[in-house]
Amino acid sequence: MYFNLGLGDDYIYYGTNEFYGLNTHNKLVVKKRVELLESIEPKYKFEEKKIFPEYYIITVERYKNIIQRRIDEWVYMFKNDEVAEGSTSKNIDKAEQKLAELNMSVNEKSLYDKYLINLARDRDAINTAKEEGHDEGKIEGKAEGIELMIMNSYKAGISIELLSKIAQLSEEEVNIILKRNSLIF
């Protein structure tokens, strides 16, 4: 949430749905039938089952940019439109890549779209080579494809920082590729 819902001293609140009778005030208990496997004849028992949603209310503005738990890495991203350095939460790397795409300028987005088209074309070429029995060069072909993408994208004006995020390589690795191909010195 990017607005104040109420009074409180935390930035994350947790709650569940519970339903009570208007007349009896008794809680609605949902049960499921479970077959008992120990007996020869069919026997069943009923166990309580939680089927109603759970909620987390996150008041982003109250978050102090201090990461103590993995969920804080996500709250940091919501608040700051960037992933905190050293974040390790599951799939946060995918969120970082998506943020890089969303924050591209119109020119960078156009170049990135061209990169995706070239990447699809290169994958098709590699898959065709595999189908035709050229498996021995598969790893080398993939590395050459990434290198070619980096060189073409750099020539088209995509920054080294953005290339490293797109290719999921460090900026140093991208620089090495560009130096090896005499695109930077």
N, C-alpha and C. Protein backbone atom coordinates (compact mmCIF):
# COMPACT_ATOMS: atom_id res chain seq x y z
N MET A 1 0.84 -1.17 0.00
CA MET A 1 0.00 0.00 0.00
C MET A 1 0.88 1.23 0.00
N TYR A 2 0.45 2.21 -0.73
CA TYR A 2 1.18 3.47 -0.79
C TYR A 2 0.36 4.58 -0.14
N PHE A 3 -0.52 4.18 0.77
CA PHE A 3 -1.31 5.13 1.54
C PHE A 3 -1.49 4.56 2.93
N ASN A 4 -1.85 5.38 3.89
CA ASN A 4 -2.00 4.96 5.27
C ASN A 4 -3.38 4.38 5.48
N LEU A 5 -3.46 3.12 5.85
CA LEU A 5 -4.74 2.45 6.08
C LEU A 5 -5.24 2.67 7.50
N GLY A 6 -4.32 2.81 8.42
CA GLY A 6 -4.72 2.97 9.81
C GLY A 6 -3.51 3.26 10.67
N LEU A 7 -3.71 3.18 11.98
CA LEU A 7 -2.63 3.45 12.92
C LEU A 7 -1.90 2.15 13.23
N GLY A 8 -0.60 2.22 13.32
CA GLY A 8 0.21 1.06 13.65
C GLY A 8 1.66 1.44 13.61
N ASP A 9 2.49 0.58 14.20
CA ASP A 9 3.91 0.89 14.27
C ASP A 9 4.76 -0.05 13.42
N ASP A 10 4.15 -0.87 12.60
CA ASP A 10 4.88 -1.81 11.76
C ASP A 10 4.59 -1.49 10.30
N TYR A 11 5.36 -2.10 9.41
CA TYR A 11 5.11 -1.90 7.98
C TYR A 11 4.55 -3.14 7.31
N ILE A 12 4.52 -4.28 8.03
CA ILE A 12 3.91 -5.50 7.50
C ILE A 12 2.92 -6.03 8.52
N TYR A 13 1.70 -6.25 8.06
CA TYR A 13 0.65 -6.83 8.90
C TYR A 13 0.12 -8.08 8.22
N TYR A 14 -0.24 -9.06 9.04
CA TYR A 14 -0.73 -10.34 8.55
C TYR A 14 -2.12 -10.60 9.12
N GLY A 15 -3.00 -11.15 8.30
CA GLY A 15 -4.33 -11.48 8.79
C GLY A 15 -4.97 -12.59 7.97
N THR A 16 -5.98 -13.19 8.54
CA THR A 16 -6.72 -14.26 7.86
C THR A 16 -8.21 -13.94 7.91
N ASN A 17 -8.95 -14.63 7.09
CA ASN A 17 -10.41 -14.50 7.12
C ASN A 17 -11.00 -15.55 8.04
N GLU A 18 -11.88 -15.14 8.90
CA GLU A 18 -12.67 -16.04 9.73
C GLU A 18 -14.10 -15.56 9.66
N PHE A 19 -15.04 -16.51 9.64
CA PHE A 19 -16.44 -16.16 9.53
C PHE A 19 -17.19 -16.64 10.76
N TYR A 20 -18.09 -15.78 11.27
CA TYR A 20 -18.86 -16.06 12.48
C TYR A 20 -20.34 -15.89 12.18
N GLY A 21 -21.13 -16.74 12.82
CA GLY A 21 -22.57 -16.65 12.65
C GLY A 21 -23.10 -15.34 13.23
N LEU A 22 -24.02 -14.70 12.51
CA LEU A 22 -24.59 -13.44 13.00
C LEU A 22 -25.44 -13.66 14.24
N ASN A 23 -26.07 -14.81 14.34
CA ASN A 23 -26.96 -15.07 15.49
C ASN A 23 -26.24 -15.79 16.62
N THR A 24 -25.46 -16.82 16.29
CA THR A 24 -24.82 -17.63 17.33
C THR A 24 -23.44 -17.14 17.71
N HIS A 25 -22.83 -16.37 16.83
CA HIS A 25 -21.47 -15.87 17.02
C HIS A 25 -20.43 -16.99 17.03
N ASN A 26 -20.83 -18.18 16.58
CA ASN A 26 -19.89 -19.31 16.50
C ASN A 26 -19.10 -19.21 15.21
N LYS A 27 -17.85 -19.63 15.29
CA LYS A 27 -16.96 -19.60 14.13
C LYS A 27 -17.36 -20.71 13.16
N LEU A 28 -17.35 -20.38 11.86
CA LEU A 28 -17.58 -21.37 10.81
C LEU A 28 -16.32 -22.21 10.67
N VAL A 29 -16.47 -23.53 10.85
CA VAL A 29 -15.34 -24.44 10.75
C VAL A 29 -15.56 -25.31 9.51
N VAL A 30 -14.66 -25.19 8.56
CA VAL A 30 -14.74 -25.98 7.34
C VAL A 30 -13.95 -27.26 7.57
N LYS A 31 -14.55 -28.39 7.21
CA LYS A 31 -13.88 -29.67 7.41
C LYS A 31 -13.86 -30.44 6.10
N LYS A 32 -12.83 -31.28 5.99
CA LYS A 32 -12.76 -32.15 4.82
C LYS A 32 -12.78 -33.60 5.31
N ARG A 33 -13.30 -34.47 4.46
CA ARG A 33 -13.39 -35.88 4.80
C ARG A 33 -12.08 -36.57 4.41
N VAL A 34 -11.49 -37.30 5.35
CA VAL A 34 -10.24 -38.00 5.14
C VAL A 34 -10.48 -39.49 5.39
N GLU A 35 -10.09 -40.33 4.42
CA GLU A 35 -10.28 -41.77 4.56
C GLU A 35 -9.19 -42.32 5.48
N LEU A 36 -9.61 -43.19 6.41
CA LEU A 36 -8.66 -43.86 7.31
C LEU A 36 -8.20 -45.14 6.63
N LEU A 37 -6.91 -45.29 6.45
CA LEU A 37 -6.37 -46.42 5.72
C LEU A 37 -6.10 -47.63 6.61
N GLU A 38 -6.16 -47.46 7.94
CA GLU A 38 -5.83 -48.56 8.85
C GLU A 38 -6.88 -49.65 8.87
N SER A 39 -8.12 -49.36 8.51
CA SER A 39 -9.19 -50.35 8.63
C SER A 39 -9.51 -50.98 7.28
N ILE A 40 -10.12 -52.17 7.36
CA ILE A 40 -10.49 -52.90 6.15
C ILE A 40 -11.72 -52.26 5.50
N GLU A 41 -12.71 -51.98 6.31
CA GLU A 41 -13.91 -51.34 5.77
C GLU A 41 -13.69 -49.83 5.68
N PRO A 42 -14.35 -49.19 4.75
CA PRO A 42 -14.14 -47.74 4.60
C PRO A 42 -14.55 -46.97 5.85
N LYS A 43 -13.63 -46.24 6.40
CA LYS A 43 -13.90 -45.37 7.55
C LYS A 43 -13.35 -43.99 7.22
N TYR A 44 -14.00 -43.01 7.75
CA TYR A 44 -13.61 -41.63 7.48
C TYR A 44 -13.58 -40.85 8.76
N LYS A 45 -12.80 -39.80 8.74
CA LYS A 45 -12.85 -38.81 9.81
C LYS A 45 -12.84 -37.44 9.14
N PHE A 46 -13.23 -36.46 9.87
CA PHE A 46 -13.27 -35.11 9.34
C PHE A 46 -12.20 -34.27 10.04
N GLU A 47 -11.39 -33.59 9.23
CA GLU A 47 -10.34 -32.72 9.75
C GLU A 47 -10.61 -31.29 9.33
N GLU A 48 -10.26 -30.37 10.21
CA GLU A 48 -10.44 -28.96 9.90
C GLU A 48 -9.53 -28.57 8.74
N LYS A 49 -10.05 -27.77 7.86
CA LYS A 49 -9.29 -27.34 6.69
C LYS A 49 -9.41 -25.83 6.56
N LYS A 50 -8.28 -25.19 6.30
CA LYS A 50 -8.29 -23.74 6.11
C LYS A 50 -8.36 -23.46 4.62
N ILE A 51 -9.48 -22.89 4.19
CA ILE A 51 -9.65 -22.63 2.76
C ILE A 51 -9.76 -21.14 2.45
N PHE A 52 -9.82 -20.33 3.48
CA PHE A 52 -10.00 -18.90 3.25
C PHE A 52 -8.64 -18.22 3.11
N PRO A 53 -8.58 -17.14 2.35
CA PRO A 53 -7.29 -16.51 2.06
C PRO A 53 -6.63 -15.88 3.28
N GLU A 54 -5.33 -15.76 3.17
CA GLU A 54 -4.52 -15.04 4.14
C GLU A 54 -4.04 -13.76 3.46
N TYR A 55 -3.85 -12.72 4.23
CA TYR A 55 -3.46 -11.43 3.66
C TYR A 55 -2.24 -10.86 4.35
N TYR A 56 -1.43 -10.17 3.57
CA TYR A 56 -0.34 -9.36 4.10
C TYR A 56 -0.60 -7.94 3.63
N ILE A 57 -0.61 -7.02 4.56
CA ILE A 57 -0.72 -5.61 4.22
C ILE A 57 0.66 -5.00 4.46
N ILE A 58 1.22 -4.44 3.40
CA ILE A 58 2.55 -3.86 3.48
C ILE A 58 2.43 -2.36 3.23
N THR A 59 2.74 -1.59 4.23
CA THR A 59 2.72 -0.14 4.11
C THR A 59 4.13 0.30 3.72
N VAL A 60 4.32 0.49 2.44
CA VAL A 60 5.64 0.74 1.87
C VAL A 60 6.29 1.98 2.47
N GLU A 61 5.53 3.03 2.68
CA GLU A 61 6.10 4.29 3.16
C GLU A 61 6.68 4.16 4.58
N ARG A 62 6.21 3.21 5.36
CA ARG A 62 6.74 3.03 6.72
C ARG A 62 8.03 2.22 6.75
N TYR A 63 8.34 1.58 5.65
CA TYR A 63 9.54 0.74 5.60
C TYR A 63 10.79 1.63 5.62
N LYS A 64 11.75 1.29 6.46
CA LYS A 64 12.93 2.13 6.71
C LYS A 64 14.15 1.74 5.89
N ASN A 65 13.99 0.93 4.84
CA ASN A 65 15.10 0.49 3.97
C ASN A 65 16.16 -0.30 4.73
N ILE A 66 15.75 -1.05 5.73
CA ILE A 66 16.65 -1.92 6.48
C ILE A 66 16.22 -3.35 6.20
N ILE A 67 17.12 -4.12 5.62
CA ILE A 67 16.78 -5.50 5.25
C ILE A 67 17.18 -6.44 6.37
N GLN A 68 16.16 -7.06 6.99
CA GLN A 68 16.40 -8.02 8.06
C GLN A 68 15.94 -9.42 7.67
N ARG A 69 14.94 -9.51 6.80
CA ARG A 69 14.41 -10.79 6.33
C ARG A 69 14.29 -10.73 4.82
N ARG A 70 14.09 -11.88 4.22
CA ARG A 70 14.00 -11.92 2.76
C ARG A 70 12.82 -11.11 2.23
N ILE A 71 11.73 -11.07 2.97
CA ILE A 71 10.58 -10.29 2.49
C ILE A 71 10.95 -8.81 2.41
N ASP A 72 11.89 -8.38 3.26
CA ASP A 72 12.33 -6.99 3.23
C ASP A 72 12.99 -6.63 1.91
N GLU A 73 13.63 -7.62 1.26
CA GLU A 73 14.24 -7.37 -0.05
C GLU A 73 13.16 -6.98 -1.06
N TRP A 74 12.01 -7.64 -0.98
CA TRP A 74 10.89 -7.32 -1.89
C TRP A 74 10.27 -5.97 -1.54
N VAL A 75 10.10 -5.68 -0.25
CA VAL A 75 9.54 -4.39 0.16
C VAL A 75 10.47 -3.26 -0.27
N TYR A 76 11.77 -3.47 -0.13
CA TYR A 76 12.76 -2.49 -0.59
C TYR A 76 12.56 -2.22 -2.08
N MET A 77 12.37 -3.29 -2.85
CA MET A 77 12.18 -3.12 -4.29
C MET A 77 10.89 -2.34 -4.59
N PHE A 78 9.80 -2.66 -3.87
CA PHE A 78 8.54 -1.93 -4.09
C PHE A 78 8.71 -0.44 -3.80
N LYS A 79 9.44 -0.14 -2.75
CA LYS A 79 9.60 1.25 -2.33
C LYS A 79 10.56 2.02 -3.22
N ASN A 80 11.66 1.39 -3.63
CA ASN A 80 12.75 2.10 -4.31
C ASN A 80 12.86 1.84 -5.81
N ASP A 81 12.02 1.00 -6.36
CA ASP A 81 12.07 0.65 -7.79
C ASP A 81 13.43 0.12 -8.21
N GLU A 82 14.10 -0.56 -7.29
CA GLU A 82 15.36 -1.23 -7.59
C GLU A 82 15.56 -2.35 -6.58
N VAL A 83 16.37 -3.32 -6.95
CA VAL A 83 16.68 -4.44 -6.07
C VAL A 83 17.91 -4.06 -5.26
N ALA A 84 17.84 -4.28 -3.95
CA ALA A 84 18.97 -3.97 -3.07
C ALA A 84 20.15 -4.86 -3.42
N GLU A 85 21.34 -4.29 -3.36
CA GLU A 85 22.56 -5.04 -3.66
C GLU A 85 22.69 -6.20 -2.67
N GLY A 86 23.02 -7.38 -3.19
CA GLY A 86 23.21 -8.55 -2.35
C GLY A 86 21.92 -9.31 -2.05
N SER A 87 20.80 -8.95 -2.68
CA SER A 87 19.53 -9.65 -2.43
C SER A 87 19.60 -11.08 -2.94
N THR A 88 19.03 -12.00 -2.16
CA THR A 88 19.10 -13.42 -2.50
C THR A 88 17.74 -14.11 -2.52
N SER A 89 16.66 -13.38 -2.34
CA SER A 89 15.34 -14.00 -2.33
C SER A 89 15.05 -14.73 -3.63
N LYS A 90 14.24 -15.76 -3.52
CA LYS A 90 13.87 -16.54 -4.70
C LYS A 90 13.22 -15.62 -5.74
N ASN A 91 13.70 -15.70 -6.96
CA ASN A 91 13.18 -14.97 -8.13
C ASN A 91 13.41 -13.47 -8.09
N ILE A 92 14.15 -12.96 -7.13
CA ILE A 92 14.40 -11.51 -7.10
C ILE A 92 15.27 -11.11 -8.29
N ASP A 93 16.10 -12.04 -8.78
CA ASP A 93 16.91 -11.74 -9.95
C ASP A 93 16.04 -11.52 -11.18
N LYS A 94 14.94 -12.26 -11.27
CA LYS A 94 14.00 -12.07 -12.38
C LYS A 94 13.29 -10.72 -12.26
N ALA A 95 12.97 -10.34 -11.03
CA ALA A 95 12.36 -9.03 -10.81
C ALA A 95 13.32 -7.92 -11.19
N GLU A 96 14.59 -8.10 -10.88
CA GLU A 96 15.60 -7.09 -11.23
C GLU A 96 15.70 -6.94 -12.74
N GLN A 97 15.68 -8.06 -13.46
CA GLN A 97 15.75 -8.01 -14.91
C GLN A 97 14.51 -7.32 -15.48
N LYS A 98 13.33 -7.62 -14.92
CA LYS A 98 12.10 -6.98 -15.38
C LYS A 98 12.12 -5.48 -15.10
N LEU A 99 12.64 -5.09 -13.93
CA LEU A 99 12.77 -3.66 -13.63
C LEU A 99 13.68 -2.96 -14.62
N ALA A 100 14.77 -3.63 -15.00
CA ALA A 100 15.70 -3.05 -15.98
C ALA A 100 14.96 -2.81 -17.30
N GLU A 101 14.11 -3.76 -17.69
CA GLU A 101 13.33 -3.59 -18.92
C GLU A 101 12.33 -2.44 -18.79
N LEU A 102 11.63 -2.38 -17.66
CA LEU A 102 10.61 -1.35 -17.46
C LEU A 102 11.21 0.05 -17.39
N ASN A 103 12.44 0.16 -16.92
CA ASN A 103 13.07 1.46 -16.76
C ASN A 103 13.88 1.91 -17.98
N MET A 104 13.79 1.17 -19.09
CA MET A 104 14.52 1.54 -20.30
C MET A 104 13.89 2.77 -20.95
N SER A 105 14.74 3.54 -21.56
CA SER A 105 14.24 4.66 -22.36
C SER A 105 13.60 4.08 -23.63
N VAL A 106 12.92 4.91 -24.39
CA VAL A 106 12.27 4.45 -25.62
C VAL A 106 13.32 3.89 -26.58
N ASN A 107 14.47 4.56 -26.68
CA ASN A 107 15.54 4.09 -27.57
C ASN A 107 16.10 2.75 -27.09
N GLU A 108 16.37 2.64 -25.78
CA GLU A 108 16.88 1.39 -25.24
C GLU A 108 15.86 0.25 -25.43
N LYS A 109 14.58 0.55 -25.24
CA LYS A 109 13.53 -0.47 -25.42
C LYS A 109 13.51 -0.95 -26.86
N SER A 110 13.65 -0.05 -27.81
CA SER A 110 13.68 -0.42 -29.22
C SER A 110 14.87 -1.32 -29.51
N LEU A 111 16.04 -0.96 -28.98
CA LEU A 111 17.24 -1.78 -29.17
C LEU A 111 17.08 -3.14 -28.49
N TYR A 112 16.45 -3.15 -27.32
CA TYR A 112 16.24 -4.40 -26.60
C TYR A 112 15.29 -5.32 -27.38
N ASP A 113 14.25 -4.75 -27.97
CA ASP A 113 13.34 -5.55 -28.78
C ASP A 113 14.08 -6.18 -29.97
N LYS A 114 14.98 -5.41 -30.58
CA LYS A 114 15.80 -5.97 -31.67
C LYS A 114 16.68 -7.10 -31.16
N TYR A 115 17.24 -6.91 -29.96
CA TYR A 115 18.05 -7.96 -29.34
C TYR A 115 17.23 -9.23 -29.16
N LEU A 116 16.00 -9.11 -28.67
CA LEU A 116 15.15 -10.29 -28.46
C LEU A 116 14.86 -11.01 -29.77
N ILE A 117 14.64 -10.24 -30.83
CA ILE A 117 14.41 -10.84 -32.15
C ILE A 117 15.65 -11.59 -32.60
N ASN A 118 16.83 -10.96 -32.43
CA ASN A 118 18.08 -11.62 -32.80
C ASN A 118 18.34 -12.86 -31.96
N LEU A 119 18.00 -12.79 -30.68
CA LEU A 119 18.18 -13.93 -29.79
C LEU A 119 17.32 -15.10 -30.23
N ALA A 120 16.07 -14.82 -30.59
CA ALA A 120 15.17 -15.88 -31.07
C ALA A 120 15.73 -16.49 -32.36
N ARG A 121 16.25 -15.65 -33.24
CA ARG A 121 16.83 -16.14 -34.49
C ARG A 121 18.05 -17.02 -34.21
N ASP A 122 18.90 -16.58 -33.27
CA ASP A 122 20.09 -17.36 -32.93
C ASP A 122 19.71 -18.70 -32.30
N ARG A 123 18.69 -18.69 -31.44
CA ARG A 123 18.23 -19.95 -30.84
C ARG A 123 17.72 -20.90 -31.91
N ASP A 124 16.97 -20.36 -32.86
CA ASP A 124 16.48 -21.20 -33.96
C ASP A 124 17.64 -21.82 -34.73
N ALA A 125 18.68 -21.04 -34.98
CA ALA A 125 19.84 -21.55 -35.71
C ALA A 125 20.53 -22.65 -34.91
N ILE A 126 20.67 -22.45 -33.60
CA ILE A 126 21.31 -23.47 -32.75
C ILE A 126 20.45 -24.73 -32.71
N ASN A 127 19.14 -24.58 -32.57
CA ASN A 127 18.24 -25.75 -32.54
C ASN A 127 18.27 -26.49 -33.86
N THR A 128 18.31 -25.76 -34.95
CA THR A 128 18.39 -26.40 -36.27
C THR A 128 19.69 -27.18 -36.39
N ALA A 129 20.79 -26.59 -35.93
CA ALA A 129 22.08 -27.28 -35.98
C ALA A 129 22.04 -28.55 -35.13
N LYS A 130 21.40 -28.48 -33.96
CA LYS A 130 21.29 -29.66 -33.11
C LYS A 130 20.49 -30.76 -33.81
N GLU A 131 19.38 -30.38 -34.41
CA GLU A 131 18.53 -31.35 -35.10
C GLU A 131 19.27 -32.00 -36.28
N GLU A 132 20.18 -31.26 -36.86
CA GLU A 132 20.93 -31.79 -38.00
C GLU A 132 22.18 -32.54 -37.55
N GLY A 133 22.35 -32.71 -36.24
CA GLY A 133 23.45 -33.53 -35.74
C GLY A 133 24.70 -32.78 -35.39
N HIS A 134 24.62 -31.50 -35.15
CA HIS A 134 25.81 -30.71 -34.83
C HIS A 134 25.90 -30.43 -33.34
N ASP A 135 25.64 -31.45 -32.50
CA ASP A 135 25.64 -31.26 -31.04
C ASP A 135 27.00 -30.91 -30.47
N GLU A 136 28.08 -31.32 -31.13
CA GLU A 136 29.40 -31.10 -30.56
C GLU A 136 29.72 -29.63 -30.40
N GLY A 137 29.10 -28.78 -31.16
CA GLY A 137 29.38 -27.35 -31.05
C GLY A 137 28.33 -26.59 -30.28
N LYS A 138 27.47 -27.30 -29.56
CA LYS A 138 26.34 -26.65 -28.88
C LYS A 138 26.79 -25.61 -27.86
N ILE A 139 27.71 -25.97 -26.98
CA ILE A 139 28.14 -25.04 -25.93
C ILE A 139 28.89 -23.87 -26.54
N GLU A 140 29.77 -24.17 -27.47
CA GLU A 140 30.51 -23.09 -28.13
C GLU A 140 29.56 -22.19 -28.90
N GLY A 141 28.56 -22.77 -29.53
CA GLY A 141 27.60 -21.98 -30.30
C GLY A 141 26.79 -21.05 -29.42
N LYS A 142 26.41 -21.54 -28.24
CA LYS A 142 25.64 -20.71 -27.32
C LYS A 142 26.50 -19.54 -26.84
N ALA A 143 27.75 -19.83 -26.47
CA ALA A 143 28.66 -18.76 -26.02
C ALA A 143 28.90 -17.75 -27.13
N GLU A 144 29.08 -18.25 -28.36
CA GLU A 144 29.28 -17.33 -29.49
C GLU A 144 28.03 -16.49 -29.73
N GLY A 145 26.86 -17.09 -29.54
CA GLY A 145 25.61 -16.35 -29.72
C GLY A 145 25.47 -15.22 -28.71
N ILE A 146 25.81 -15.50 -27.46
CA ILE A 146 25.76 -14.46 -26.42
C ILE A 146 26.77 -13.37 -26.72
N GLU A 147 27.96 -13.78 -27.13
CA GLU A 147 29.01 -12.81 -27.47
C GLU A 147 28.57 -11.93 -28.63
N LEU A 148 27.99 -12.54 -29.65
CA LEU A 148 27.52 -11.79 -30.82
C LEU A 148 26.41 -10.82 -30.43
N MET A 149 25.51 -11.27 -29.56
CA MET A 149 24.43 -10.39 -29.09
C MET A 149 25.00 -9.19 -28.35
N ILE A 150 25.99 -9.43 -27.49
CA ILE A 150 26.60 -8.35 -26.72
C ILE A 150 27.26 -7.35 -27.66
N MET A 151 28.01 -7.85 -28.63
CA MET A 151 28.71 -6.95 -29.56
C MET A 151 27.71 -6.13 -30.38
N ASN A 152 26.69 -6.77 -30.93
CA ASN A 152 25.70 -6.05 -31.75
C ASN A 152 24.90 -5.06 -30.92
N SER A 153 24.53 -5.45 -29.71
CA SER A 153 23.76 -4.54 -28.85
C SER A 153 24.60 -3.35 -28.42
N TYR A 154 25.89 -3.57 -28.13
CA TYR A 154 26.78 -2.47 -27.75
C TYR A 154 26.95 -1.51 -28.92
N LYS A 155 27.12 -2.05 -30.13
CA LYS A 155 27.24 -1.20 -31.32
C LYS A 155 25.97 -0.39 -31.54
N ALA A 156 24.82 -0.97 -31.15
CA ALA A 156 23.54 -0.28 -31.34
C ALA A 156 23.27 0.75 -30.26
N GLY A 157 24.14 0.80 -29.23
CA GLY A 157 24.00 1.86 -28.23
C GLY A 157 23.53 1.43 -26.86
N ILE A 158 23.37 0.14 -26.61
CA ILE A 158 22.95 -0.31 -25.28
C ILE A 158 24.16 -0.24 -24.35
N SER A 159 23.95 0.28 -23.15
CA SER A 159 25.04 0.48 -22.20
C SER A 159 25.56 -0.85 -21.67
N ILE A 160 26.78 -0.83 -21.18
CA ILE A 160 27.40 -2.03 -20.61
C ILE A 160 26.62 -2.49 -19.39
N GLU A 161 26.15 -1.54 -18.58
CA GLU A 161 25.38 -1.88 -17.39
C GLU A 161 24.11 -2.65 -17.77
N LEU A 162 23.39 -2.15 -18.78
CA LEU A 162 22.16 -2.81 -19.21
C LEU A 162 22.46 -4.15 -19.86
N LEU A 163 23.54 -4.22 -20.65
CA LEU A 163 23.94 -5.49 -21.28
C LEU A 163 24.24 -6.55 -20.23
N SER A 164 24.88 -6.16 -19.14
CA SER A 164 25.21 -7.15 -18.11
C SER A 164 23.95 -7.70 -17.46
N LYS A 165 22.95 -6.85 -17.28
CA LYS A 165 21.69 -7.34 -16.71
C LYS A 165 20.96 -8.24 -17.68
N ILE A 166 20.91 -7.84 -18.94
CA ILE A 166 20.20 -8.64 -19.95
C ILE A 166 20.87 -9.99 -20.15
N ALA A 167 22.19 -10.00 -20.28
CA ALA A 167 22.92 -11.24 -20.55
C ALA A 167 23.19 -12.04 -19.28
N GLN A 168 22.87 -11.44 -18.12
CA GLN A 168 23.12 -12.05 -16.82
C GLN A 168 24.60 -12.38 -16.65
N LEU A 169 25.43 -11.43 -17.02
CA LEU A 169 26.87 -11.49 -16.83
C LEU A 169 27.28 -10.28 -16.02
N SER A 170 28.46 -10.33 -15.43
CA SER A 170 28.95 -9.16 -14.72
C SER A 170 29.40 -8.12 -15.75
N GLU A 171 29.49 -6.87 -15.32
CA GLU A 171 29.97 -5.81 -16.21
C GLU A 171 31.40 -6.11 -16.65
N GLU A 172 32.19 -6.72 -15.75
CA GLU A 172 33.57 -7.08 -16.09
C GLU A 172 33.59 -8.11 -17.22
N GLU A 173 32.68 -9.11 -17.18
CA GLU A 173 32.63 -10.12 -18.24
C GLU A 173 32.23 -9.50 -19.57
N VAL A 174 31.28 -8.55 -19.52
CA VAL A 174 30.87 -7.86 -20.75
C VAL A 174 32.04 -7.06 -21.31
N ASN A 175 32.77 -6.36 -20.43
CA ASN A 175 33.95 -5.60 -20.86
C ASN A 175 35.00 -6.50 -21.51
N ILE A 176 35.21 -7.68 -20.95
CA ILE A 176 36.19 -8.62 -21.52
C ILE A 176 35.78 -9.01 -22.94
N ILE A 177 34.50 -9.30 -23.13
CA ILE A 177 34.01 -9.67 -24.47
C ILE A 177 34.20 -8.51 -25.44
N LEU A 178 33.86 -7.30 -25.00
CA LEU A 178 33.99 -6.13 -25.88
C LEU A 178 35.46 -5.84 -26.20
N LYS A 179 36.35 -6.00 -25.22
CA LYS A 179 37.78 -5.79 -25.46
C LYS A 179 38.33 -6.84 -26.40
N ARG A 180 37.93 -8.10 -26.20
CA ARG A 180 38.41 -9.19 -27.04
C ARG A 180 38.04 -8.98 -28.50
N ASN A 181 36.93 -8.29 -28.73
CA ASN A 181 36.47 -8.04 -30.08
C ASN A 181 36.78 -6.61 -30.54
N SER A 182 37.68 -5.95 -29.82
CA SER A 182 38.18 -4.62 -30.18
C SER A 182 37.09 -3.56 -30.28
N LEU A 183 36.05 -3.69 -29.45
CA LEU A 183 35.01 -2.67 -29.45
C LEU A 183 35.27 -1.60 -28.40
N ILE A 184 36.04 -1.96 -27.37
CA ILE A 184 36.51 -0.97 -26.40
C ILE A 184 37.98 -1.30 -26.12
N PHE A 185 38.67 -0.34 -25.56
CA PHE A 185 40.10 -0.53 -25.32
C PHE A 185 40.43 -0.34 -23.87
